[in-house]
Amino acid sequence: MEIFKNPNFNFVRWRWHALFMSWAIIVAGVITIATVGLPMGVEFSGGTIVILQFDQTPTVDQVRTALDRARIGGGGQNIVVQRYGPEASREVMVRPGPKSASSRGTGLTKTADHVVSALTEAKLGKFTVVGTQIVGPVVGRGS
């Protein structure tokens, strides 16, 4: 069985082009990391994640508006609200920014409680807390 009729490829001819492309990609990556930085999850930056399961899924904007009214997440810019899991599970993940909690672990627990109470007051429907992840700033500092 013959896949290529002429298996003679001149790879050496394209070495400088490949070298230039490799360096261009590396330099672009270094510039991006230097200017934007690497996005860090809760495991590295510290903070709280609350996963909620609703009877009827509200929109992400409704959840964000309810949290903004309760002043959770520093005015909404530092807060992450997104659908979580498959669509049929009707779950929403809420991650207030690390600046919305105090520097102690109890502040992180209070942040999770504030998220739940803000969404209860907003009357977005019945929901249950499926899970929470609370990572203190000691882990986030890398100590």
Protein backbone atom coordinates (compact mmCIF):
# COMPACT_ATOMS: atom_id res chain seq x y z
CA MET A 1 0.00 0.00 0.00
CA GLU A 2 1.43 3.33 -1.08
CA ILE A 3 0.30 6.46 0.76
CA PHE A 4 2.71 8.93 -0.81
CA LYS A 5 3.89 8.56 -4.35
CA ASN A 6 6.99 10.72 -3.82
CA PRO A 7 8.09 10.54 -0.14
CA ASN A 8 11.07 12.87 -0.66
CA PHE A 9 10.39 16.09 1.24
CA ASN A 10 12.98 18.79 1.62
CA PHE A 11 12.48 19.67 5.31
CA VAL A 12 15.81 21.46 5.57
CA ARG A 13 14.64 24.00 3.00
CA TRP A 14 11.90 25.24 5.40
CA ARG A 15 14.01 25.27 8.61
CA TRP A 16 14.39 29.07 8.76
CA HIS A 17 10.68 29.62 8.17
CA ALA A 18 9.83 27.16 10.93
CA LEU A 19 12.38 28.70 13.28
CA PHE A 20 10.99 32.20 12.66
CA MET A 21 7.40 31.04 13.25
CA SER A 22 8.39 29.28 16.48
CA TRP A 23 10.10 32.39 17.82
CA ALA A 24 7.17 34.60 16.79
CA ILE A 25 4.76 32.39 18.72
CA ILE A 26 7.04 32.29 21.77
CA VAL A 27 7.50 36.09 21.79
CA ALA A 28 3.75 36.67 21.37
CA GLY A 29 3.07 34.34 24.31
CA VAL A 30 5.62 36.06 26.56
CA ILE A 31 4.19 39.50 25.70
CA THR A 32 0.65 38.30 26.41
CA ILE A 33 1.65 36.83 29.78
CA ALA A 34 3.57 39.98 30.69
CA THR A 35 0.71 42.36 29.84
CA VAL A 36 -2.42 40.35 30.66
CA GLY A 37 -1.10 37.77 33.08
CA LEU A 38 -2.24 34.23 33.64
CA PRO A 39 -5.83 33.70 34.74
CA MET A 40 -5.76 31.99 38.13
CA GLY A 41 -8.48 29.80 39.51
CA VAL A 42 -9.71 29.86 43.08
CA GLU A 43 -7.02 27.34 44.01
CA PHE A 44 -4.26 29.89 43.45
CA SER A 45 -5.87 33.27 44.08
CA GLY A 46 -8.05 32.31 47.05
CA GLY A 47 -11.75 32.98 47.27
CA THR A 48 -15.16 31.38 47.33
CA ILE A 49 -17.17 29.41 44.78
CA VAL A 50 -20.84 28.67 45.38
CA ILE A 51 -22.68 26.20 43.13
CA LEU A 52 -26.47 26.50 43.20
CA GLN A 53 -29.15 24.30 41.66
CA PHE A 54 -32.39 26.11 40.80
CA ASP A 55 -35.85 24.69 40.23
CA GLN A 56 -36.15 27.01 37.23
CA THR A 57 -32.89 28.37 35.90
CA PRO A 58 -32.61 32.17 36.06
CA THR A 59 -30.54 34.03 33.54
CA VAL A 60 -26.96 34.92 34.37
CA ASP A 61 -27.94 38.61 34.25
CA GLN A 62 -30.67 38.08 36.87
CA VAL A 63 -28.19 36.44 39.25
CA ARG A 64 -25.58 39.15 38.61
CA THR A 65 -28.15 41.92 39.21
CA ALA A 66 -29.23 40.33 42.51
CA LEU A 67 -25.61 40.13 43.67
CA ASP A 68 -24.91 43.70 42.56
CA ARG A 69 -27.87 44.94 44.64
CA ALA A 70 -26.43 43.17 47.67
CA ARG A 71 -23.00 44.71 46.90
CA ILE A 72 -21.32 41.35 46.53
CA GLY A 73 -18.28 41.15 44.27
CA GLY A 74 -17.13 44.74 44.37
CA GLY A 75 -19.69 46.24 42.02
CA GLY A 76 -20.00 43.24 39.72
CA GLN A 77 -16.67 43.61 37.96
CA ASN A 78 -14.87 41.00 40.02
CA ILE A 79 -17.70 38.48 40.13
CA VAL A 80 -18.03 35.43 37.87
CA VAL A 81 -21.51 34.05 37.25
CA GLN A 82 -21.92 31.23 34.76
CA ARG A 83 -23.95 28.14 34.02
CA TYR A 84 -22.47 25.05 35.56
CA GLY A 85 -22.76 21.48 34.35
CA PRO A 86 -25.23 20.24 31.76
CA GLU A 87 -28.20 22.43 30.86
CA ALA A 88 -30.67 19.95 32.38
CA SER A 89 -29.06 20.25 35.83
CA ARG A 90 -30.08 23.97 36.11
CA GLU A 91 -26.94 24.82 38.06
CA VAL A 92 -25.23 28.19 38.33
CA MET A 93 -21.73 28.85 39.63
CA VAL A 94 -21.04 32.11 41.48
CA ARG A 95 -17.50 33.21 42.28
CA PRO A 96 -17.18 36.59 43.97
CA GLY A 97 -13.81 38.21 43.44
CA PRO A 98 -11.14 37.71 46.09
CA LYS A 99 -11.34 41.40 47.04
CA SER A 100 -14.97 41.02 48.13
CA ALA A 101 -13.96 38.84 51.09
CA SER A 102 -11.85 39.72 54.04
CA SER A 103 -8.38 38.31 54.46
CA ARG A 104 -9.47 35.71 57.02
CA GLY A 105 -11.09 32.35 56.28
CA THR A 106 -14.23 33.31 58.21
CA GLY A 107 -14.75 36.18 55.77
CA LEU A 108 -14.76 33.70 52.92
CA THR A 109 -17.45 31.64 54.66
CA LYS A 110 -19.48 34.80 55.23
CA THR A 111 -19.15 35.61 51.53
CA ALA A 112 -20.78 32.29 50.64
CA ASP A 113 -23.56 33.02 53.11
CA HIS A 114 -24.04 36.52 51.64
CA VAL A 115 -24.39 35.03 48.14
CA VAL A 116 -27.10 32.64 49.32
CA SER A 117 -28.98 35.32 51.27
CA ALA A 118 -28.79 37.82 48.37
CA LEU A 119 -30.26 35.30 45.94
CA THR A 120 -32.96 34.33 48.45
CA GLU A 121 -33.95 37.98 48.88
CA ALA A 122 -34.02 38.49 45.11
CA LYS A 123 -36.70 35.77 44.83
CA LEU A 124 -35.20 34.08 41.78
CA GLY A 125 -36.99 30.86 42.65
CA LYS A 126 -36.19 27.94 44.88
CA PHE A 127 -32.63 26.73 44.90
CA THR A 128 -30.32 24.51 46.87
CA VAL A 129 -26.62 24.91 47.50
CA VAL A 130 -24.99 21.98 45.72
CA GLY A 131 -21.47 22.81 46.85
CA THR A 132 -19.04 25.44 47.97
CA GLN A 133 -15.30 25.74 47.64
CA ILE A 134 -13.54 28.04 50.05
CA VAL A 135 -9.81 28.57 49.67
CA GLY A 136 -8.09 30.90 52.09
CA PRO A 137 -5.46 33.46 51.16
CA VAL A 138 -2.67 31.42 52.76
CA VAL A 139 -2.96 28.89 49.93
CA GLY A 140 -3.33 31.72 47.44
CA ARG A 141 -0.07 33.31 48.58
CA GLY A 142 1.85 30.09 47.92
CA SER A 143 3.23 29.94 51.47
